[in-house]
């Protein structure tokens, strides 16, 4: 079975880069343009891992993480924060909300794929 990644980011460029990188690595990718759409797609997608930006309209990444962790569907799914932010206070807030990890943009393709494989058990 193919590992399914949900990527939530308001930047079309980042969504495109993530999709290309992850599909080339053999993952199935679903994207969402903001946190509201991301949470809705998560509830329907059976994703194996979620990647979310922090700064987005309608619902930020912290809200996404909280909704997933407090929801009724796959609450233990790994959630990676992918953002330009690198402040310790934001990382701590994400960790407290339930984030699994934090990656700063721009991301390194090989490193991102490696982390996802480790977290999902994908080969």
PDB file of N, CA and C in Angstrom:
ATOM      1  N   UNK A   1       0.840  -1.189   0.000  1.00  0.00           N
ATOM      2  CA  UNK A   1       0.000   0.000   0.000  1.00  0.00           C
ATOM      3  C   UNK A   1       0.884   1.251   0.000  1.00  0.00           C
ATOM      4  N   UNK A   2       0.503   2.241  -0.766  1.00  0.00           N
ATOM      5  CA  UNK A   2       1.268   3.471  -0.895  1.00  0.00           C
ATOM      6  C   UNK A   2       1.042   4.377   0.309  1.00  0.00           C
ATOM      7  N   UNK A   3       2.121   4.937   0.827  1.00  0.00           N
ATOM      8  CA  UNK A   3       2.028   5.876   1.948  1.00  0.00           C
ATOM      9  C   UNK A   3       1.405   7.175   1.447  1.00  0.00           C
ATOM     10  N   UNK A   4       0.406   7.658   2.179  1.00  0.00           N
ATOM     11  CA  UNK A   4      -0.367   8.834   1.771  1.00  0.00           C
ATOM     12  C   UNK A   4       0.005  10.034   2.635  1.00  0.00           C
ATOM     13  N   UNK A   5       0.416  11.115   1.980  1.00  0.00           N
ATOM     14  CA  UNK A   5       0.814  12.348   2.657  1.00  0.00           C
ATOM     15  C   UNK A   5      -0.197  13.447   2.351  1.00  0.00           C
ATOM     16  N   UNK A   6      -0.643  14.161   3.388  1.00  0.00           N
ATOM     17  CA  UNK A   6      -1.470  15.352   3.220  1.00  0.00           C
ATOM     18  C   UNK A   6      -0.586  16.563   3.463  1.00  0.00           C
ATOM     19  N   UNK A   7      -0.449  17.418   2.443  1.00  0.00           N
ATOM     20  CA  UNK A   7       0.382  18.621   2.537  1.00  0.00           C
ATOM     21  C   UNK A   7      -0.510  19.854   2.532  1.00  0.00           C
ATOM     22  N   UNK A   8      -0.413  20.649   3.603  1.00  0.00           N
ATOM     23  CA  UNK A   8      -1.263  21.832   3.766  1.00  0.00           C
ATOM     24  C   UNK A   8      -0.371  23.067   3.745  1.00  0.00           C
ATOM     25  N   UNK A   9      -0.538  23.914   2.729  1.00  0.00           N
ATOM     26  CA  UNK A   9       0.262  25.141   2.619  1.00  0.00           C
ATOM     27  C   UNK A   9      -0.470  26.113   1.712  1.00  0.00           C
ATOM     28  N   UNK A  10      -0.489  27.382   2.086  1.00  0.00           N
ATOM     29  CA  UNK A  10      -1.175  28.373   1.257  1.00  0.00           C
ATOM     30  C   UNK A  10      -0.357  28.791   0.038  1.00  0.00           C
ATOM     31  N   UNK A  11       0.905  28.403  -0.029  1.00  0.00           N
ATOM     32  CA  UNK A  11       1.758  28.733  -1.172  1.00  0.00           C
ATOM     33  C   UNK A  11       1.629  27.663  -2.254  1.00  0.00           C
ATOM     34  N   UNK A  12       1.156  28.075  -3.425  1.00  0.00           N
ATOM     35  CA  UNK A  12       1.030  27.147  -4.551  1.00  0.00           C
ATOM     36  C   UNK A  12       2.396  26.551  -4.903  1.00  0.00           C
ATOM     37  N   UNK A  13       3.443  27.382  -4.829  1.00  0.00           N
ATOM     38  CA  UNK A  13       4.792  26.923  -5.150  1.00  0.00           C
ATOM     39  C   UNK A  13       5.229  25.799  -4.214  1.00  0.00           C
ATOM     40  N   UNK A  14       5.016  25.976  -2.922  1.00  0.00           N
ATOM     41  CA  UNK A  14       5.401  24.940  -1.957  1.00  0.00           C
ATOM     42  C   UNK A  14       4.578  23.674  -2.174  1.00  0.00           C
ATOM     43  N   UNK A  15       3.284  23.816  -2.413  1.00  0.00           N
ATOM     44  CA  UNK A  15       2.447  22.631  -2.679  1.00  0.00           C
ATOM     45  C   UNK A  15       2.955  21.877  -3.901  1.00  0.00           C
ATOM     46  N   UNK A  16       3.323  22.615  -4.945  1.00  0.00           N
ATOM     47  CA  UNK A  16       3.833  21.999  -6.164  1.00  0.00           C
ATOM     48  C   UNK A  16       5.163  21.294  -5.907  1.00  0.00           C
ATOM     49  N   UNK A  17       6.070  21.966  -5.173  1.00  0.00           N
ATOM     50  CA  UNK A  17       7.367  21.358  -4.854  1.00  0.00           C
ATOM     51  C   UNK A  17       7.199  20.106  -3.996  1.00  0.00           C
ATOM     52  N   UNK A  18       6.349  20.185  -2.986  1.00  0.00           N
ATOM     53  CA  UNK A  18       6.102  19.021  -2.130  1.00  0.00           C
ATOM     54  C   UNK A  18       5.514  17.864  -2.929  1.00  0.00           C
ATOM     55  N   UNK A  19       4.542  18.168  -3.763  1.00  0.00           N
ATOM     56  CA  UNK A  19       3.911  17.120  -4.564  1.00  0.00           C
ATOM     57  C   UNK A  19       4.931  16.434  -5.463  1.00  0.00           C
ATOM     58  N   UNK A  20       5.743  17.227  -6.163  1.00  0.00           N
ATOM     59  CA  UNK A  20       6.747  16.645  -7.065  1.00  0.00           C
ATOM     60  C   UNK A  20       7.753  15.799  -6.288  1.00  0.00           C
ATOM     61  N   UNK A  21       8.269  16.345  -5.202  1.00  0.00           N
ATOM     62  CA  UNK A  21       9.269  15.627  -4.397  1.00  0.00           C
ATOM     63  C   UNK A  21       8.711  14.328  -3.842  1.00  0.00           C
ATOM     64  N   UNK A  22       7.527  14.408  -3.267  1.00  0.00           N
ATOM     65  CA  UNK A  22       6.955  13.236  -2.597  1.00  0.00           C
ATOM     66  C   UNK A  22       6.447  12.185  -3.576  1.00  0.00           C
ATOM     67  N   UNK A  23       5.849  12.618  -4.684  1.00  0.00           N
ATOM     68  CA  UNK A  23       5.398  11.645  -5.685  1.00  0.00           C
ATOM     69  C   UNK A  23       6.597  10.947  -6.329  1.00  0.00           C
ATOM     70  N   UNK A  24       7.676  11.695  -6.564  1.00  0.00           N
ATOM     71  CA  UNK A  24       8.886  11.083  -7.115  1.00  0.00           C
ATOM     72  C   UNK A  24       9.471  10.044  -6.166  1.00  0.00           C
ATOM     73  N   UNK A  25       9.223  10.203  -4.868  1.00  0.00           N
ATOM     74  CA  UNK A  25       9.701   9.243  -3.865  1.00  0.00           C
ATOM     75  C   UNK A  25       8.714   8.091  -3.668  1.00  0.00           C
ATOM     76  N   UNK A  26       7.610   8.103  -4.409  1.00  0.00           N
ATOM     77  CA  UNK A  26       6.664   6.997  -4.352  1.00  0.00           C
ATOM     78  C   UNK A  26       5.480   7.187  -3.432  1.00  0.00           C
ATOM     79  N   UNK A  27       5.302   8.395  -2.883  1.00  0.00           N
ATOM     80  CA  UNK A  27       4.174   8.658  -1.998  1.00  0.00           C
ATOM     81  C   UNK A  27       2.955   9.144  -2.777  1.00  0.00           C
ATOM     82  N   UNK A  28       1.785   8.894  -2.232  1.00  0.00           N
ATOM     83  CA  UNK A  28       0.551   9.504  -2.727  1.00  0.00           C
ATOM     84  C   UNK A  28       0.420  10.831  -1.988  1.00  0.00           C
ATOM     85  N   UNK A  29       0.066  11.904  -2.703  1.00  0.00           N
ATOM     86  CA  UNK A  29       0.000  13.231  -2.086  1.00  0.00           C
ATOM     87  C   UNK A  29      -1.364  13.870  -2.325  1.00  0.00           C
ATOM     88  N   UNK A  30      -1.941  14.391  -1.257  1.00  0.00           N
ATOM     89  CA  UNK A  30      -3.136  15.226  -1.331  1.00  0.00           C
ATOM     90  C   UNK A  30      -2.727  16.582  -0.782  1.00  0.00           C
ATOM     91  N   UNK A  31      -3.207  17.664  -1.406  1.00  0.00           N
ATOM     92  CA  UNK A  31      -2.851  19.001  -0.934  1.00  0.00           C
ATOM     93  C   UNK A  31      -4.086  19.782  -0.514  1.00  0.00           C
ATOM     94  N   UNK A  32      -3.845  20.782   0.326  1.00  0.00           N
ATOM     95  CA  UNK A  32      -4.893  21.695   0.767  1.00  0.00           C
ATOM     96  C   UNK A  32      -4.294  23.099   0.843  1.00  0.00           C
ATOM     97  N   UNK A  33      -5.131  24.119   0.576  1.00  0.00           N
ATOM     98  CA  UNK A  33      -4.646  25.498   0.479  1.00  0.00           C
ATOM     99  C   UNK A  33      -4.646  26.263   1.798  1.00  0.00           C
ATOM    100  N   UNK A  34      -5.307  25.730   2.814  1.00  0.00           N
ATOM    101  CA  UNK A  34      -5.314  26.371   4.130  1.00  0.00           C
ATOM    102  C   UNK A  34      -5.722  25.350   5.182  1.00  0.00           C
ATOM    103  N   UNK A  35      -5.705  25.779   6.429  1.00  0.00           N
ATOM    104  CA  UNK A  35      -5.991  24.867   7.521  1.00  0.00           C
ATOM    105  C   UNK A  35      -7.404  24.322   7.534  1.00  0.00           C
ATOM    106  N   UNK A  36      -8.367  25.129   7.139  1.00  0.00           N
ATOM    107  CA  UNK A  36      -9.757  24.668   7.127  1.00  0.00           C
ATOM    108  C   UNK A  36      -9.925  23.541   6.109  1.00  0.00           C
ATOM    109  N   UNK A  37      -9.413  23.767   4.895  1.00  0.00           N
ATOM    110  CA  UNK A  37      -9.492  22.730   3.868  1.00  0.00           C
ATOM    111  C   UNK A  37      -8.648  21.508   4.277  1.00  0.00           C
ATOM    112  N   UNK A  38      -7.502  21.773   4.901  1.00  0.00           N
ATOM    113  CA  UNK A  38      -6.626  20.694   5.324  1.00  0.00           C
ATOM    114  C   UNK A  38      -7.272  19.766   6.331  1.00  0.00           C
ATOM    115  N   UNK A  39      -7.914  20.333   7.333  1.00  0.00           N
ATOM    116  CA  UNK A  39      -8.583  19.505   8.346  1.00  0.00           C
ATOM    117  C   UNK A  39      -9.730  18.724   7.716  1.00  0.00           C
ATOM    118  N   UNK A  40     -10.491  19.358   6.824  1.00  0.00           N
ATOM    119  CA  UNK A  40     -11.591  18.660   6.146  1.00  0.00           C
ATOM    120  C   UNK A  40     -11.063  17.493   5.314  1.00  0.00           C
ATOM    121  N   UNK A  41      -9.976  17.730   4.575  1.00  0.00           N
ATOM    122  CA  UNK A  41      -9.407  16.649   3.756  1.00  0.00           C
ATOM    123  C   UNK A  41      -8.797  15.567   4.639  1.00  0.00           C
ATOM    124  N   UNK A  42      -8.214  15.950   5.763  1.00  0.00           N
ATOM    125  CA  UNK A  42      -7.647  14.956   6.674  1.00  0.00           C
ATOM    126  C   UNK A  42      -8.720  14.000   7.169  1.00  0.00           C
ATOM    127  N   UNK A  43      -9.880  14.519   7.496  1.00  0.00           N
ATOM    128  CA  UNK A  43     -10.956  13.688   8.028  1.00  0.00           C
ATOM    129  C   UNK A  43     -11.471  12.687   7.004  1.00  0.00           C
ATOM    130  N   UNK A  44     -11.207  12.947   5.716  1.00  0.00           N
ATOM    131  CA  UNK A  44     -11.685  12.059   4.658  1.00  0.00           C
ATOM    132  C   UNK A  44     -10.575  11.242   4.005  1.00  0.00           C
ATOM    133  N   UNK A  45      -9.299  11.583   4.262  1.00  0.00           N
ATOM    134  CA  UNK A  45      -8.214  11.060   3.432  1.00  0.00           C
ATOM    135  C   UNK A  45      -7.497   9.826   3.952  1.00  0.00           C
ATOM    136  N   UNK A  46      -7.587   9.540   5.233  1.00  0.00           N
ATOM    137  CA  UNK A  46      -6.818   8.440   5.820  1.00  0.00           C
ATOM    138  C   UNK A  46      -5.316   8.618   5.570  1.00  0.00           C
ATOM    139  N   UNK A  47      -4.821   9.851   5.750  1.00  0.00           N
ATOM    140  CA  UNK A  47      -3.408  10.163   5.522  1.00  0.00           C
ATOM    141  C   UNK A  47      -2.521   9.455   6.543  1.00  0.00           C
ATOM    142  N   UNK A  48      -1.332   9.062   6.094  1.00  0.00           N
ATOM    143  CA  UNK A  48      -0.352   8.421   6.967  1.00  0.00           C
ATOM    144  C   UNK A  48       0.550   9.441   7.648  1.00  0.00           C
ATOM    145  N   UNK A  49       0.605  10.670   7.111  1.00  0.00           N
ATOM    146  CA  UNK A  49       1.416  11.738   7.672  1.00  0.00           C
ATOM    147  C   UNK A  49       0.879  13.055   7.140  1.00  0.00           C
ATOM    148  N   UNK A  50       0.940  14.097   7.972  1.00  0.00           N
ATOM    149  CA  UNK A  50       0.493  15.434   7.577  1.00  0.00           C
ATOM    150  C   UNK A  50       1.681  16.378   7.640  1.00  0.00           C
ATOM    151  N   UNK A  51       1.808  17.211   6.607  1.00  0.00           N
ATOM    152  CA  UNK A  51       2.779  18.301   6.599  1.00  0.00           C
ATOM    153  C   UNK A  51       1.967  19.584   6.573  1.00  0.00           C
ATOM    154  N   UNK A  52       2.228  20.486   7.515  1.00  0.00           N
ATOM    155  CA  UNK A  52       1.472  21.738   7.538  1.00  0.00           C
ATOM    156  C   UNK A  52       2.382  22.942   7.714  1.00  0.00           C
ATOM    157  N   UNK A  53       2.014  24.019   7.035  1.00  0.00           N
ATOM    158  CA  UNK A  53       2.646  25.313   7.238  1.00  0.00           C
ATOM    159  C   UNK A  53       2.077  25.886   8.539  1.00  0.00           C
ATOM    160  N   UNK A  54       2.727  26.917   9.075  1.00  0.00           N
ATOM    161  CA  UNK A  54       2.209  27.586  10.266  1.00  0.00           C
ATOM    162  C   UNK A  54       1.316  28.752   9.876  1.00  0.00           C
ATOM    163  N   UNK A  55       1.853  29.671   9.079  1.00  0.00           N
ATOM    164  CA  UNK A  55       1.140  30.904   8.737  1.00  0.00           C
ATOM    165  C   UNK A  55       0.278  30.710   7.495  1.00  0.00           C
ATOM    166  N   UNK A  56      -1.030  30.567   7.731  1.00  0.00           N
ATOM    167  CA  UNK A  56      -1.992  30.385   6.641  1.00  0.00           C
ATOM    168  C   UNK A  56      -3.274  31.119   6.976  1.00  0.00           C
ATOM    169  N   UNK A  57      -4.027  31.506   5.945  1.00  0.00           N
ATOM    170  CA  UNK A  57      -5.331  32.137   6.205  1.00  0.00           C
ATOM    171  C   UNK A  57      -6.345  31.104   6.713  1.00  0.00           C
ATOM    172  N   UNK A  58      -7.389  31.581   7.319  1.00  0.00           N
ATOM    173  CA  UNK A  58      -8.540  30.800   7.781  1.00  0.00           C
ATOM    174  C   UNK A  58      -8.261  29.911   8.997  1.00  0.00           C
ATOM    175  N   UNK A  59      -7.182  29.168   8.996  1.00  0.00           N
ATOM    176  CA  UNK A  59      -6.778  28.383  10.166  1.00  0.00           C
ATOM    177  C   UNK A  59      -5.280  28.155  10.034  1.00  0.00           C
ATOM    178  N   UNK A  60      -4.530  28.521  11.068  1.00  0.00           N
ATOM    179  CA  UNK A  60      -3.078  28.346  10.991  1.00  0.00           C
ATOM    180  C   UNK A  60      -2.684  26.911  11.318  1.00  0.00           C
ATOM    181  N   UNK A  61      -1.396  26.622  11.195  1.00  0.00           N
ATOM    182  CA  UNK A  61      -0.900  25.272  11.433  1.00  0.00           C
ATOM    183  C   UNK A  61      -1.128  24.775  12.842  1.00  0.00           C
ATOM    184  N   UNK A  62      -1.077  25.676  13.823  1.00  0.00           N
ATOM    185  CA  UNK A  62      -1.325  25.267  15.202  1.00  0.00           C
ATOM    186  C   UNK A  62      -2.764  24.773  15.349  1.00  0.00           C
ATOM    187  N   UNK A  63      -3.699  25.476  14.704  1.00  0.00           N
ATOM    188  CA  UNK A  63      -5.101  25.052  14.716  1.00  0.00           C
ATOM    189  C   UNK A  63      -5.298  23.711  14.038  1.00  0.00           C
ATOM    190  N   UNK A  64      -4.552  23.486  12.941  1.00  0.00           N
ATOM    191  CA  UNK A  64      -4.609  22.202  12.241  1.00  0.00           C
ATOM    192  C   UNK A  64      -4.171  21.082  13.186  1.00  0.00           C
ATOM    193  N   UNK A  65      -3.024  21.270  13.833  1.00  0.00           N
ATOM    194  CA  UNK A  65      -2.497  20.242  14.735  1.00  0.00           C
ATOM    195  C   UNK A  65      -3.494  19.972  15.865  1.00  0.00           C
ATOM    196  N   UNK A  66      -4.015  21.024  16.466  1.00  0.00           N
ATOM    197  CA  UNK A  66      -4.966  20.856  17.566  1.00  0.00           C
ATOM    198  C   UNK A  66      -6.226  20.131  17.112  1.00  0.00           C
ATOM    199  N   UNK A  67      -6.732  20.487  15.918  1.00  0.00           N
ATOM    200  CA  UNK A  67      -7.937  19.821  15.412  1.00  0.00           C
ATOM    201  C   UNK A  67      -7.686  18.335  15.164  1.00  0.00           C
ATOM    202  N   UNK A  68      -6.509  18.011  14.622  1.00  0.00           N
ATOM    203  CA  UNK A  68      -6.187  16.603  14.376  1.00  0.00           C
ATOM    204  C   UNK A  68      -6.054  15.854  15.696  1.00  0.00           C
ATOM    205  N   UNK A  69      -5.319  16.408  16.634  1.00  0.00           N
ATOM    206  CA  UNK A  69      -5.081  15.723  17.915  1.00  0.00           C
ATOM    207  C   UNK A  69      -6.342  15.593  18.754  1.00  0.00           C
ATOM    208  N   UNK A  70      -7.281  16.522  18.587  1.00  0.00           N
ATOM    209  CA  UNK A  70      -8.521  16.485  19.365  1.00  0.00           C
ATOM    210  C   UNK A  70      -9.687  15.882  18.596  1.00  0.00           C
ATOM    211  N   UNK A  71      -9.441  15.445  17.358  1.00  0.00           N
ATOM    212  CA  UNK A  71     -10.514  14.934  16.508  1.00  0.00           C
ATOM    213  C   UNK A  71     -10.842  13.482  16.767  1.00  0.00           C
ATOM    214  N   UNK A  72     -11.656  12.944  15.895  1.00  0.00           N
ATOM    215  CA  UNK A  72     -12.120  11.564  16.028  1.00  0.00           C
ATOM    216  C   UNK A  72     -11.418  10.614  15.061  1.00  0.00           C
ATOM    217  N   UNK A  73     -10.557  11.163  14.170  1.00  0.00           N
ATOM    218  CA  UNK A  73      -9.947  10.360  13.112  1.00  0.00           C
ATOM    219  C   UNK A  73      -8.429  10.375  13.251  1.00  0.00           C
ATOM    220  N   UNK A  74      -7.810   9.210  13.352  1.00  0.00           N
ATOM    221  CA  UNK A  74      -6.356   9.064  13.268  1.00  0.00           C
ATOM    222  C   UNK A  74      -5.579  10.118  14.074  1.00  0.00           C
ATOM    223  N   UNK A  75      -5.912  10.249  15.327  1.00  0.00           N
ATOM    224  CA  UNK A  75      -5.337  11.302  16.180  1.00  0.00           C
ATOM    225  C   UNK A  75      -3.835  11.166  16.401  1.00  0.00           C
ATOM    226  N   UNK A  76      -3.273   9.986  16.175  1.00  0.00           N
ATOM    227  CA  UNK A  76      -1.847   9.758  16.418  1.00  0.00           C
ATOM    228  C   UNK A  76      -0.993   9.929  15.160  1.00  0.00           C
ATOM    229  N   UNK A  77      -1.581  10.366  14.066  1.00  0.00           N
ATOM    230  CA  UNK A  77      -0.831  10.540  12.815  1.00  0.00           C
ATOM    231  C   UNK A  77       0.364  11.481  13.031  1.00  0.00           C
ATOM    232  N   UNK A  78       1.533  11.172  12.449  1.00  0.00           N
ATOM    233  CA  UNK A  78       2.657  12.112  12.548  1.00  0.00           C
ATOM    234  C   UNK A  78       2.314  13.420  11.829  1.00  0.00           C
ATOM    235  N   UNK A  79       2.642  14.547  12.459  1.00  0.00           N
ATOM    236  CA  UNK A  79       2.423  15.861  11.858  1.00  0.00           C
ATOM    237  C   UNK A  79       3.743  16.619  11.843  1.00  0.00           C
ATOM    238  N   UNK A  80       4.204  16.959  10.637  1.00  0.00           N
ATOM    239  CA  UNK A  80       5.412  17.758  10.478  1.00  0.00           C
ATOM    240  C   UNK A  80       5.034  19.192  10.156  1.00  0.00           C
ATOM    241  N   UNK A  81       5.680  20.122  10.833  1.00  0.00           N
ATOM    242  CA  UNK A  81       5.490  21.538  10.540  1.00  0.00           C
ATOM    243  C   UNK A  81       6.578  21.934   9.557  1.00  0.00           C
ATOM    244  N   UNK A  82       6.188  22.507   8.420  1.00  0.00           N
ATOM    245  CA  UNK A  82       7.121  22.972   7.399  1.00  0.00           C
ATOM    246  C   UNK A  82       6.889  24.458   7.225  1.00  0.00           C
ATOM    247  N   UNK A  83       7.855  25.279   7.657  1.00  0.00           N
ATOM    248  CA  UNK A  83       7.630  26.717   7.702  1.00  0.00           C
ATOM    249  C   UNK A  83       8.933  27.491   7.561  1.00  0.00           C
ATOM    250  N   UNK A  84       8.812  28.780   7.276  1.00  0.00           N
ATOM    251  CA  UNK A  84       9.990  29.656   7.253  1.00  0.00           C
ATOM    252  C   UNK A  84      10.355  30.106   8.659  1.00  0.00           C
ATOM    253  N   UNK A  85       9.461  29.903   9.601  1.00  0.00           N
ATOM    254  CA  UNK A  85       9.688  30.313  10.983  1.00  0.00           C
ATOM    255  C   UNK A  85      10.690  29.379  11.669  1.00  0.00           C
ATOM    256  N   UNK A  86      11.492  29.933  12.575  1.00  0.00           N
ATOM    257  CA  UNK A  86      12.439  29.069  13.277  1.00  0.00           C
ATOM    258  C   UNK A  86      12.567  29.416  14.760  1.00  0.00           C
ATOM    259  N   UNK A  87      11.668  30.248  15.268  1.00  0.00           N
ATOM    260  CA  UNK A  87      11.739  30.658  16.664  1.00  0.00           C
ATOM    261  C   UNK A  87      11.458  29.525  17.636  1.00  0.00           C
ATOM    262  N   UNK A  88      12.236  29.504  18.721  1.00  0.00           N
ATOM    263  CA  UNK A  88      12.082  28.453  19.734  1.00  0.00           C
ATOM    264  C   UNK A  88      10.689  28.463  20.355  1.00  0.00           C
ATOM    265  N   UNK A  89      10.102  29.651  20.531  1.00  0.00           N
ATOM    266  CA  UNK A  89       8.774  29.731  21.134  1.00  0.00           C
ATOM    267  C   UNK A  89       7.715  29.104  20.224  1.00  0.00           C
ATOM    268  N   UNK A  90       7.859  29.292  18.914  1.00  0.00           N
ATOM    269  CA  UNK A  90       6.907  28.690  17.978  1.00  0.00           C
ATOM    270  C   UNK A  90       7.075  27.177  17.922  1.00  0.00           C
ATOM    271  N   UNK A  91       8.322  26.721  17.964  1.00  0.00           N
ATOM    272  CA  UNK A  91       8.574  25.276  17.982  1.00  0.00           C
ATOM    273  C   UNK A  91       7.967  24.644  19.227  1.00  0.00           C
ATOM    274  N   UNK A  92       8.129  25.303  20.354  1.00  0.00           N
ATOM    275  CA  UNK A  92       7.570  24.794  21.612  1.00  0.00           C
ATOM    276  C   UNK A  92       6.039  24.769  21.545  1.00  0.00           C
ATOM    277  N   UNK A  93       5.446  25.820  20.975  1.00  0.00           N
ATOM    278  CA  UNK A  93       3.987  25.863  20.837  1.00  0.00           C
ATOM    279  C   UNK A  93       3.507  24.710  19.951  1.00  0.00           C
ATOM    280  N   UNK A  94       4.229  24.438  18.867  1.00  0.00           N
ATOM    281  CA  UNK A  94       3.859  23.341  17.977  1.00  0.00           C
ATOM    282  C   UNK A  94       3.994  22.002  18.693  1.00  0.00           C
ATOM    283  N   UNK A  95       5.075  21.836  19.445  1.00  0.00           N
ATOM    284  CA  UNK A  95       5.304  20.601  20.194  1.00  0.00           C
ATOM    285  C   UNK A  95       4.167  20.379  21.201  1.00  0.00           C
ATOM    286  N   UNK A  96       3.782  21.444  21.904  1.00  0.00           N
ATOM    287  CA  UNK A  96       2.702  21.326  22.885  1.00  0.00           C
ATOM    288  C   UNK A  96       1.365  21.005  22.229  1.00  0.00           C
ATOM    289  N   UNK A  97       1.174  21.499  20.997  1.00  0.00           N
ATOM    290  CA  UNK A  97      -0.065  21.214  20.270  1.00  0.00           C
ATOM    291  C   UNK A  97      -0.102  19.772  19.784  1.00  0.00           C
ATOM    292  N   UNK A  98       1.097  19.157  19.660  1.00  0.00           N
ATOM    293  CA  UNK A  98       1.153  17.764  19.240  1.00  0.00           C
ATOM    294  C   UNK A  98       1.934  17.509  17.966  1.00  0.00           C
ATOM    295  N   UNK A  99       2.722  18.493  17.504  1.00  0.00           N
ATOM    296  CA  UNK A  99       3.527  18.287  16.301  1.00  0.00           C
ATOM    297  C   UNK A  99       4.596  17.224  16.559  1.00  0.00           C
ATOM    298  N   UNK A 100       4.896  16.456  15.544  1.00  0.00           N
ATOM    299  CA  UNK A 100       5.901  15.407  15.631  1.00  0.00           C
ATOM    300  C   UNK A 100       7.291  15.963  15.341  1.00  0.00           C
ATOM    301  N   UNK A 101       7.359  16.952  14.425  1.00  0.00           N
ATOM    302  CA  UNK A 101       8.646  17.517  14.036  1.00  0.00           C
ATOM    303  C   UNK A 101       8.489  18.861  13.363  1.00  0.00           C
ATOM    304  N   UNK A 102       9.633  19.520  13.111  1.00  0.00           N
ATOM    305  CA  UNK A 102       9.675  20.885  12.586  1.00  0.00           C
ATOM    306  C   UNK A 102      10.749  20.948  11.511  1.00  0.00           C
ATOM    307  N   UNK A 103      10.385  21.376  10.313  1.00  0.00           N
ATOM    308  CA  UNK A 103      11.332  21.517   9.207  1.00  0.00           C
ATOM    309  C   UNK A 103      11.237  22.943   8.682  1.00  0.00           C
ATOM    310  N   UNK A 104      12.399  23.568   8.510  1.00  0.00           N
ATOM    311  CA  UNK A 104      12.430  24.955   8.041  1.00  0.00           C
ATOM    312  C   UNK A 104      12.559  24.984   6.520  1.00  0.00           C
ATOM    313  N   UNK A 105      11.735  25.825   5.876  1.00  0.00           N
ATOM    314  CA  UNK A 105      11.825  26.053   4.433  1.00  0.00           C
ATOM    315  C   UNK A 105      13.055  26.908   4.155  1.00  0.00           C
ATOM    316  N   UNK A 106      13.717  26.743   3.022  1.00  0.00           N
ATOM    317  CA  UNK A 106      13.446  25.733   2.009  1.00  0.00           C
ATOM    318  C   UNK A 106      13.890  24.364   2.492  1.00  0.00           C
ATOM    319  N   UNK A 107      13.155  23.342   2.111  1.00  0.00           N
ATOM    320  CA  UNK A 107      13.456  21.989   2.579  1.00  0.00           C
ATOM    321  C   UNK A 107      14.399  21.280   1.608  1.00  0.00           C
ATOM    322  N   UNK A 108      15.165  20.354   2.159  1.00  0.00           N
ATOM    323  CA  UNK A 108      16.026  19.488   1.372  1.00  0.00           C
ATOM    324  C   UNK A 108      15.223  18.241   1.024  1.00  0.00           C
ATOM    325  N   UNK A 109      15.094  17.960  -0.258  1.00  0.00           N
ATOM    326  CA  UNK A 109      14.253  16.852  -0.711  1.00  0.00           C
ATOM    327  C   UNK A 109      14.603  15.521  -0.032  1.00  0.00           C
ATOM    328  N   UNK A 110      15.873  15.161  -0.072  1.00  0.00           N
ATOM    329  CA  UNK A 110      16.299  13.868   0.471  1.00  0.00           C
ATOM    330  C   UNK A 110      16.047  13.778   1.975  1.00  0.00           C
ATOM    331  N   UNK A 111      16.309  14.867   2.688  1.00  0.00           N
ATOM    332  CA  UNK A 111      16.087  14.869   4.138  1.00  0.00           C
ATOM    333  C   UNK A 111      14.606  14.734   4.470  1.00  0.00           C
ATOM    334  N   UNK A 112      13.767  15.450   3.731  1.00  0.00           N
ATOM    335  CA  UNK A 112      12.324  15.378   3.966  1.00  0.00           C
ATOM    336  C   UNK A 112      11.817  13.962   3.717  1.00  0.00           C
ATOM    337  N   UNK A 113      12.207  13.383   2.607  1.00  0.00           N
ATOM    338  CA  UNK A 113      11.779  12.022   2.284  1.00  0.00           C
ATOM    339  C   UNK A 113      12.265  11.031   3.345  1.00  0.00           C
ATOM    340  N   UNK A 114      13.485  11.206   3.802  1.00  0.00           N
ATOM    341  CA  UNK A 114      14.045  10.328   4.826  1.00  0.00           C
ATOM    342  C   UNK A 114      13.240  10.411   6.124  1.00  0.00           C
ATOM    343  N   UNK A 115      12.903  11.615   6.551  1.00  0.00           N
ATOM    344  CA  UNK A 115      12.113  11.804   7.775  1.00  0.00           C
ATOM    345  C   UNK A 115      10.737  11.152   7.625  1.00  0.00           C
ATOM    346  N   UNK A 116      10.114  11.362   6.475  1.00  0.00           N
ATOM    347  CA  UNK A 116       8.784  10.788   6.252  1.00  0.00           C
ATOM    348  C   UNK A 116       8.842   9.262   6.277  1.00  0.00           C
ATOM    349  N   UNK A 117       9.847   8.694   5.637  1.00  0.00           N
ATOM    350  CA  UNK A 117       9.983   7.235   5.638  1.00  0.00           C
ATOM    351  C   UNK A 117      10.190   6.712   7.055  1.00  0.00           C
ATOM    352  N   UNK A 118      10.989   7.415   7.827  1.00  0.00           N
ATOM    353  CA  UNK A 118      11.252   6.983   9.209  1.00  0.00           C
ATOM    354  C   UNK A 118       9.961   7.047  10.037  1.00  0.00           C
ATOM    355  N   UNK A 119       9.197   8.124   9.884  1.00  0.00           N
ATOM    356  CA  UNK A 119       8.004   8.310  10.699  1.00  0.00           C
ATOM    357  C   UNK A 119       6.848   7.396  10.301  1.00  0.00           C
ATOM    358  N   UNK A 120       6.801   7.025   9.022  1.00  0.00           N
ATOM    359  CA  UNK A 120       5.670   6.214   8.546  1.00  0.00           C
ATOM    360  C   UNK A 120       6.016   4.737   8.400  1.00  0.00           C
ATOM    361  N   UNK A 121       7.317   4.421   8.475  1.00  0.00           N
ATOM    362  CA  UNK A 121       7.727   3.049   8.271  1.00  0.00           C
ATOM    363  C   UNK A 121       7.736   2.644   6.803  1.00  0.00           C
ATOM    364  N   UNK A 122       7.628   3.644   5.907  1.00  0.00           N
ATOM    365  CA  UNK A 122       7.648   3.365   4.467  1.00  0.00           C
ATOM    366  C   UNK A 122       9.034   2.893   4.047  1.00  0.00           C
ATOM    367  N   UNK A 123       9.071   2.031   3.080  1.00  0.00           N
ATOM    368  CA  UNK A 123      10.353   1.514   2.599  1.00  0.00           C
ATOM    369  C   UNK A 123      10.740   2.213   1.315  1.00  0.00           C
TER     370      UNK A 123
END
